[in-house]
Amino acid sequence: MDSMAAPEVAGTGDTSGREPTPAELDAIETEMPVIHAEVAFLDAQIAALDRVPGELDRRRLRRARRRVLTARRQLANRRTTGTTGGAA
């Protein structure tokens, strides 16, 4: 009887079922501040969808947008200077 397991696909670019490499995990970790800021911005946008945005909603959206821009700027600066983090 043949095995029911899927055969290994070598060299075809099929990446399903593989674990991320340490380099990929490091890249994700480096981008986490941007990801968190974008999630917070999305949360603020979703909260403002249910009602007419008031002053507090507008402030929350502005703060969240500034956090996203700041996180993206810091990530871009880190990439251009070649630093990967650590103590400042």
C-alpha atoms as a PDB file:
ATOM      1  CA  MET A   1       0.000   0.000   0.000  1.00  0.00           C
ATOM      2  CA  ASP A   2       1.259   3.458  -0.901  1.00  0.00           C
ATOM      3  CA  SER A   3       1.792   6.220   1.638  1.00  0.00           C
ATOM      4  CA  MET A   4      -0.899   8.895   1.775  1.00  0.00           C
ATOM      5  CA  ALA A   5       1.641  11.617   2.630  1.00  0.00           C
ATOM      6  CA  ALA A   6       2.256  14.348   0.083  1.00  0.00           C
ATOM      7  CA  PRO A   7       5.514  13.924  -1.827  1.00  0.00           C
ATOM      8  CA  GLU A   8       8.310  16.417  -1.235  1.00  0.00           C
ATOM      9  CA  VAL A   9       8.541  18.961  -4.007  1.00  0.00           C
ATOM     10  CA  ALA A  10      12.153  19.965  -4.581  1.00  0.00           C
ATOM     11  CA  GLY A  11      13.121  23.108  -6.448  1.00  0.00           C
ATOM     12  CA  THR A  12       9.628  24.107  -7.565  1.00  0.00           C
ATOM     13  CA  GLY A  13       9.205  27.032  -5.181  1.00  0.00           C
ATOM     14  CA  ASP A  14       6.459  25.279  -3.235  1.00  0.00           C
ATOM     15  CA  THR A  15       6.905  26.672   0.271  1.00  0.00           C
ATOM     16  CA  SER A  16       3.800  25.236   1.871  1.00  0.00           C
ATOM     17  CA  GLY A  17       4.501  23.435   5.096  1.00  0.00           C
ATOM     18  CA  ARG A  18       7.978  24.827   5.675  1.00  0.00           C
ATOM     19  CA  GLU A  19       9.091  26.790   8.698  1.00  0.00           C
ATOM     20  CA  PRO A  20      10.460  30.344   8.340  1.00  0.00           C
ATOM     21  CA  THR A  21      14.221  30.672   8.299  1.00  0.00           C
ATOM     22  CA  PRO A  22      16.046  32.560  11.054  1.00  0.00           C
ATOM     23  CA  ALA A  23      16.629  35.429   8.607  1.00  0.00           C
ATOM     24  CA  GLU A  24      12.903  35.612   7.855  1.00  0.00           C
ATOM     25  CA  LEU A  25      12.088  35.598  11.570  1.00  0.00           C
ATOM     26  CA  ASP A  26      14.592  38.421  12.127  1.00  0.00           C
ATOM     27  CA  ALA A  27      12.985  40.434   9.316  1.00  0.00           C
ATOM     28  CA  ILE A  28       9.542  39.946  10.864  1.00  0.00           C
ATOM     29  CA  GLU A  29      10.860  40.953  14.294  1.00  0.00           C
ATOM     30  CA  THR A  30      12.404  44.092  12.780  1.00  0.00           C
ATOM     31  CA  GLU A  31       9.081  45.048  11.188  1.00  0.00           C
ATOM     32  CA  MET A  32       6.923  44.347  14.279  1.00  0.00           C
ATOM     33  CA  PRO A  33       6.717  48.016  15.429  1.00  0.00           C
ATOM     34  CA  VAL A  34       5.283  48.927  12.011  1.00  0.00           C
ATOM     35  CA  ILE A  35       2.865  46.004  12.113  1.00  0.00           C
ATOM     36  CA  HIS A  36       1.624  46.941  15.590  1.00  0.00           C
ATOM     37  CA  ALA A  37       1.197  50.590  14.594  1.00  0.00           C
ATOM     38  CA  GLU A  38      -0.734  49.634  11.455  1.00  0.00           C
ATOM     39  CA  VAL A  39      -3.028  47.343  13.464  1.00  0.00           C
ATOM     40  CA  ALA A  40      -3.737  50.168  15.932  1.00  0.00           C
ATOM     41  CA  PHE A  41      -4.490  52.513  13.017  1.00  0.00           C
ATOM     42  CA  LEU A  42      -6.834  49.942  11.502  1.00  0.00           C
ATOM     43  CA  ASP A  43      -8.579  49.540  14.873  1.00  0.00           C
ATOM     44  CA  ALA A  44      -9.106  53.309  15.042  1.00  0.00           C
ATOM     45  CA  GLN A  45     -10.522  53.341  11.521  1.00  0.00           C
ATOM     46  CA  ILE A  46     -12.900  50.474  12.290  1.00  0.00           C
ATOM     47  CA  ALA A  47     -14.100  52.181  15.465  1.00  0.00           C
ATOM     48  CA  ALA A  48     -14.858  55.345  13.492  1.00  0.00           C
ATOM     49  CA  LEU A  49     -16.916  53.423  10.906  1.00  0.00           C
ATOM     50  CA  ASP A  50     -19.762  52.672  13.291  1.00  0.00           C
ATOM     51  CA  ARG A  51     -20.636  56.290  13.960  1.00  0.00           C
ATOM     52  CA  VAL A  52     -19.987  59.833  12.883  1.00  0.00           C
ATOM     53  CA  PRO A  53     -16.405  60.479  14.029  1.00  0.00           C
ATOM     54  CA  GLY A  54     -16.228  62.909  16.918  1.00  0.00           C
ATOM     55  CA  GLU A  55     -13.266  64.879  18.153  1.00  0.00           C
ATOM     56  CA  LEU A  56     -11.912  61.940  20.169  1.00  0.00           C
ATOM     57  CA  ASP A  57     -12.142  59.658  17.130  1.00  0.00           C
ATOM     58  CA  ARG A  58     -10.290  62.205  15.002  1.00  0.00           C
ATOM     59  CA  ARG A  59      -7.564  62.513  17.651  1.00  0.00           C
ATOM     60  CA  ARG A  60      -7.249  58.751  17.901  1.00  0.00           C
ATOM     61  CA  LEU A  61      -6.932  58.483  14.113  1.00  0.00           C
ATOM     62  CA  ARG A  62      -4.310  61.251  13.969  1.00  0.00           C
ATOM     63  CA  ARG A  63      -2.252  59.684  16.766  1.00  0.00           C
ATOM     64  CA  ALA A  64      -2.449  56.244  15.175  1.00  0.00           C
ATOM     65  CA  ARG A  65      -1.471  57.649  11.764  1.00  0.00           C
ATOM     66  CA  ARG A  66       1.512  59.462  13.319  1.00  0.00           C
ATOM     67  CA  ARG A  67       2.602  56.241  15.040  1.00  0.00           C
ATOM     68  CA  VAL A  68       2.512  54.406  11.699  1.00  0.00           C
ATOM     69  CA  LEU A  69       4.540  57.128  10.002  1.00  0.00           C
ATOM     70  CA  THR A  70       7.047  57.221  12.848  1.00  0.00           C
ATOM     71  CA  ALA A  71       7.456  53.433  12.853  1.00  0.00           C
ATOM     72  CA  ARG A  72       7.908  53.363   9.080  1.00  0.00           C
ATOM     73  CA  ARG A  73      10.457  56.195   9.228  1.00  0.00           C
ATOM     74  CA  GLN A  74      12.430  54.440  11.964  1.00  0.00           C
ATOM     75  CA  LEU A  75      12.406  51.200   9.995  1.00  0.00           C
ATOM     76  CA  ALA A  76      13.563  52.974   6.831  1.00  0.00           C
ATOM     77  CA  ASN A  77      16.327  54.767   8.745  1.00  0.00           C
ATOM     78  CA  ARG A  78      17.432  51.493  10.299  1.00  0.00           C
ATOM     79  CA  ARG A  79      17.651  49.897   6.853  1.00  0.00           C
ATOM     80  CA  THR A  80      19.616  52.761   5.313  1.00  0.00           C
ATOM     81  CA  THR A  81      22.112  52.960   8.182  1.00  0.00           C
ATOM     82  CA  GLY A  82      22.497  49.207   8.331  1.00  0.00           C
ATOM     83  CA  THR A  83      21.739  48.891  12.041  1.00  0.00           C
ATOM     84  CA  THR A  84      19.582  46.033  13.192  1.00  0.00           C
ATOM     85  CA  GLY A  85      18.690  47.205  16.651  1.00  0.00           C
ATOM     86  CA  GLY A  86      20.209  47.000  20.093  1.00  0.00           C
ATOM     87  CA  ALA A  87      20.977  49.644  22.659  1.00  0.00           C
ATOM     88  CA  ALA A  88      20.858  53.249  21.548  1.00  0.00           C
END
